[in-house]
Amino acid sequence: MSARRGRRRTQLKGIDEINMTPLIDLTFLLLIVFMITMPLMEYGTEVNAPEMNAESLPEDNTKTVNLRADGVYVIDKLEMNADQARATLERFYQENPNFNILVRGDGECIYSNIVEVVKMARDAGFTKAQLVTSAE
């Protein structure tokens, strides 16, 4: 019987001697790699036109400024350039400073052009300019 106990102890002795240090080092190395690469992956992603579900748009007391992909502004079904759009927004502000300005940009537009439309509305005096997106 004592021979069996001795054999059993030698088999369990190998399990008692496993070195955990390399496994812990590998775990921390992987954690550091993921912490560094995740923010880089976020900024390297291309985005398409925004789609989201938001509040319903106000239907009264609003004016809509549309910006097409070719850079033409459409306000009240009239096509115009940037200077004409700026003058139209200033005229709207003189008529009613409480208008809600809705900005709709084509999905192919450069984001800075859409921001420029919001800036035009702010320069005209409007405090509320909302971006309109497609429904999900």
Protein backbone atom coordinates (compact mmCIF):
# COMPACT_ATOMS: atom_id res chain seq x y z
CA MET A 1 0.00 0.00 0.00
CA SER A 2 2.82 2.37 0.71
CA ALA A 3 4.12 1.98 -2.85
CA ARG A 4 0.82 3.25 -4.21
CA ARG A 5 0.90 6.31 -1.99
CA GLY A 6 4.41 7.14 -3.15
CA ARG A 7 3.43 6.88 -6.81
CA ARG A 8 0.42 9.07 -6.25
CA ARG A 9 2.49 11.76 -4.53
CA THR A 10 4.96 11.89 -7.41
CA GLN A 11 2.13 12.38 -9.91
CA LEU A 12 0.61 15.23 -7.88
CA LYS A 13 4.01 16.80 -7.31
CA GLY A 14 4.18 17.83 -11.00
CA ILE A 15 0.92 19.75 -10.69
CA ASP A 16 2.14 21.57 -7.60
CA GLU A 17 5.17 22.87 -9.48
CA ILE A 18 3.41 24.70 -12.39
CA ASN A 19 4.96 28.15 -12.79
CA MET A 20 2.17 30.76 -13.15
CA THR A 21 4.48 33.75 -13.80
CA PRO A 22 4.66 33.35 -17.62
CA LEU A 23 0.86 32.99 -17.83
CA ILE A 24 0.33 36.16 -15.80
CA ASP A 25 2.90 38.02 -17.94
CA LEU A 26 1.11 36.94 -21.11
CA THR A 27 -2.26 38.06 -19.71
CA PHE A 28 -0.95 41.53 -18.87
CA LEU A 29 0.76 41.81 -22.27
CA LEU A 30 -2.51 41.04 -24.09
CA LEU A 31 -4.38 43.51 -21.90
CA ILE A 32 -1.90 46.28 -22.73
CA VAL A 33 -2.05 45.51 -26.47
CA PHE A 34 -5.86 45.74 -26.50
CA MET A 35 -5.84 48.94 -24.45
CA ILE A 36 -3.52 50.58 -26.98
CA THR A 37 -5.13 49.33 -30.20
CA MET A 38 -8.84 49.87 -29.40
CA PRO A 39 -8.76 53.70 -29.52
CA LEU A 40 -6.80 53.55 -32.79
CA MET A 41 -9.39 51.27 -34.36
CA GLU A 42 -12.20 53.67 -33.44
CA TYR A 43 -10.71 56.61 -35.35
CA GLY A 44 -9.76 54.59 -38.42
CA THR A 45 -13.37 53.69 -39.28
CA GLU A 46 -15.16 55.20 -42.26
CA VAL A 47 -18.74 56.29 -41.61
CA ASN A 48 -21.76 56.57 -43.87
CA ALA A 49 -24.67 58.96 -43.68
CA PRO A 50 -26.07 59.23 -40.15
CA GLU A 51 -29.14 57.20 -39.34
CA MET A 52 -30.90 57.41 -36.02
CA ASN A 53 -34.29 57.56 -34.41
CA ALA A 54 -34.85 60.86 -32.68
CA GLU A 55 -37.71 63.09 -31.72
CA SER A 56 -40.23 63.91 -34.41
CA LEU A 57 -39.50 67.08 -36.31
CA PRO A 58 -41.48 70.20 -35.51
CA GLU A 59 -43.91 70.88 -38.34
CA ASP A 60 -44.85 74.45 -37.61
CA ASN A 61 -42.62 77.49 -37.41
CA THR A 62 -39.77 75.78 -39.29
CA LYS A 63 -37.61 76.50 -42.29
CA THR A 64 -35.57 73.77 -43.96
CA VAL A 65 -32.17 74.29 -45.56
CA ASN A 66 -31.16 71.45 -47.89
CA LEU A 67 -27.58 70.99 -49.04
CA ARG A 68 -27.11 68.80 -52.10
CA ALA A 69 -23.97 66.81 -52.85
CA ASP A 70 -22.99 69.28 -55.59
CA GLY A 71 -22.91 72.15 -53.05
CA VAL A 72 -26.20 73.79 -54.08
CA TYR A 73 -28.45 75.08 -51.29
CA VAL A 74 -32.20 74.57 -51.62
CA ILE A 75 -34.44 76.75 -49.43
CA ASP A 76 -38.21 76.95 -50.06
CA LYS A 77 -37.71 74.95 -53.30
CA LEU A 78 -35.33 77.62 -54.63
CA GLU A 79 -31.78 76.70 -55.60
CA MET A 80 -29.10 79.16 -54.52
CA ASN A 81 -25.42 79.54 -53.72
CA ALA A 82 -23.89 80.14 -50.28
CA ASP A 83 -24.19 83.93 -50.35
CA GLN A 84 -27.84 83.80 -51.38
CA ALA A 85 -28.55 81.20 -48.67
CA ARG A 86 -26.89 83.43 -46.05
CA ALA A 87 -29.03 86.42 -47.17
CA THR A 88 -32.18 84.27 -47.14
CA LEU A 89 -31.49 83.10 -43.58
CA GLU A 90 -30.95 86.70 -42.46
CA ARG A 91 -34.28 87.64 -44.08
CA PHE A 92 -36.01 84.74 -42.29
CA TYR A 93 -34.58 85.95 -38.97
CA GLN A 94 -35.95 89.45 -39.58
CA GLU A 95 -39.38 87.97 -40.37
CA ASN A 96 -39.49 85.65 -37.34
CA PRO A 97 -36.53 85.08 -34.98
CA ASN A 98 -38.30 82.05 -33.47
CA PHE A 99 -38.06 79.89 -36.60
CA ASN A 100 -36.57 76.42 -36.09
CA ILE A 101 -33.96 75.84 -38.77
CA LEU A 102 -33.73 72.25 -40.03
CA VAL A 103 -30.53 71.36 -41.87
CA ARG A 104 -30.67 68.43 -44.28
CA GLY A 105 -27.45 67.36 -45.96
CA ASP A 106 -27.00 64.80 -48.70
CA GLY A 107 -25.23 61.63 -47.57
CA GLU A 108 -22.39 62.39 -49.98
CA CYS A 109 -21.76 65.90 -48.55
CA ILE A 110 -18.60 66.75 -46.71
CA TYR A 111 -19.37 67.20 -43.02
CA SER A 112 -17.66 70.60 -42.88
CA ASN A 113 -20.14 71.90 -45.49
CA ILE A 114 -23.07 70.86 -43.31
CA VAL A 115 -21.46 72.51 -40.28
CA GLU A 116 -21.09 75.66 -42.41
CA VAL A 117 -24.88 75.71 -42.91
CA VAL A 118 -25.40 75.55 -39.14
CA LYS A 119 -22.86 78.35 -38.74
CA MET A 120 -24.78 80.45 -41.30
CA ALA A 121 -27.95 80.01 -39.27
CA ARG A 122 -26.11 81.02 -36.07
CA ASP A 123 -24.59 84.07 -37.79
CA ALA A 124 -28.05 85.10 -38.99
CA GLY A 125 -29.20 85.10 -35.35
CA PHE A 126 -31.00 81.77 -34.96
CA THR A 127 -30.32 79.86 -31.77
CA LYS A 128 -31.95 76.58 -32.84
CA ALA A 129 -30.56 74.68 -35.82
CA GLN A 130 -31.23 70.94 -35.97
CA LEU A 131 -29.65 68.32 -38.20
CA VAL A 132 -32.11 66.03 -39.94
CA THR A 133 -31.08 62.38 -40.38
CA SER A 134 -32.61 59.34 -42.06
CA ALA A 135 -34.67 56.96 -39.95
CA GLU A 136 -33.04 53.65 -38.99
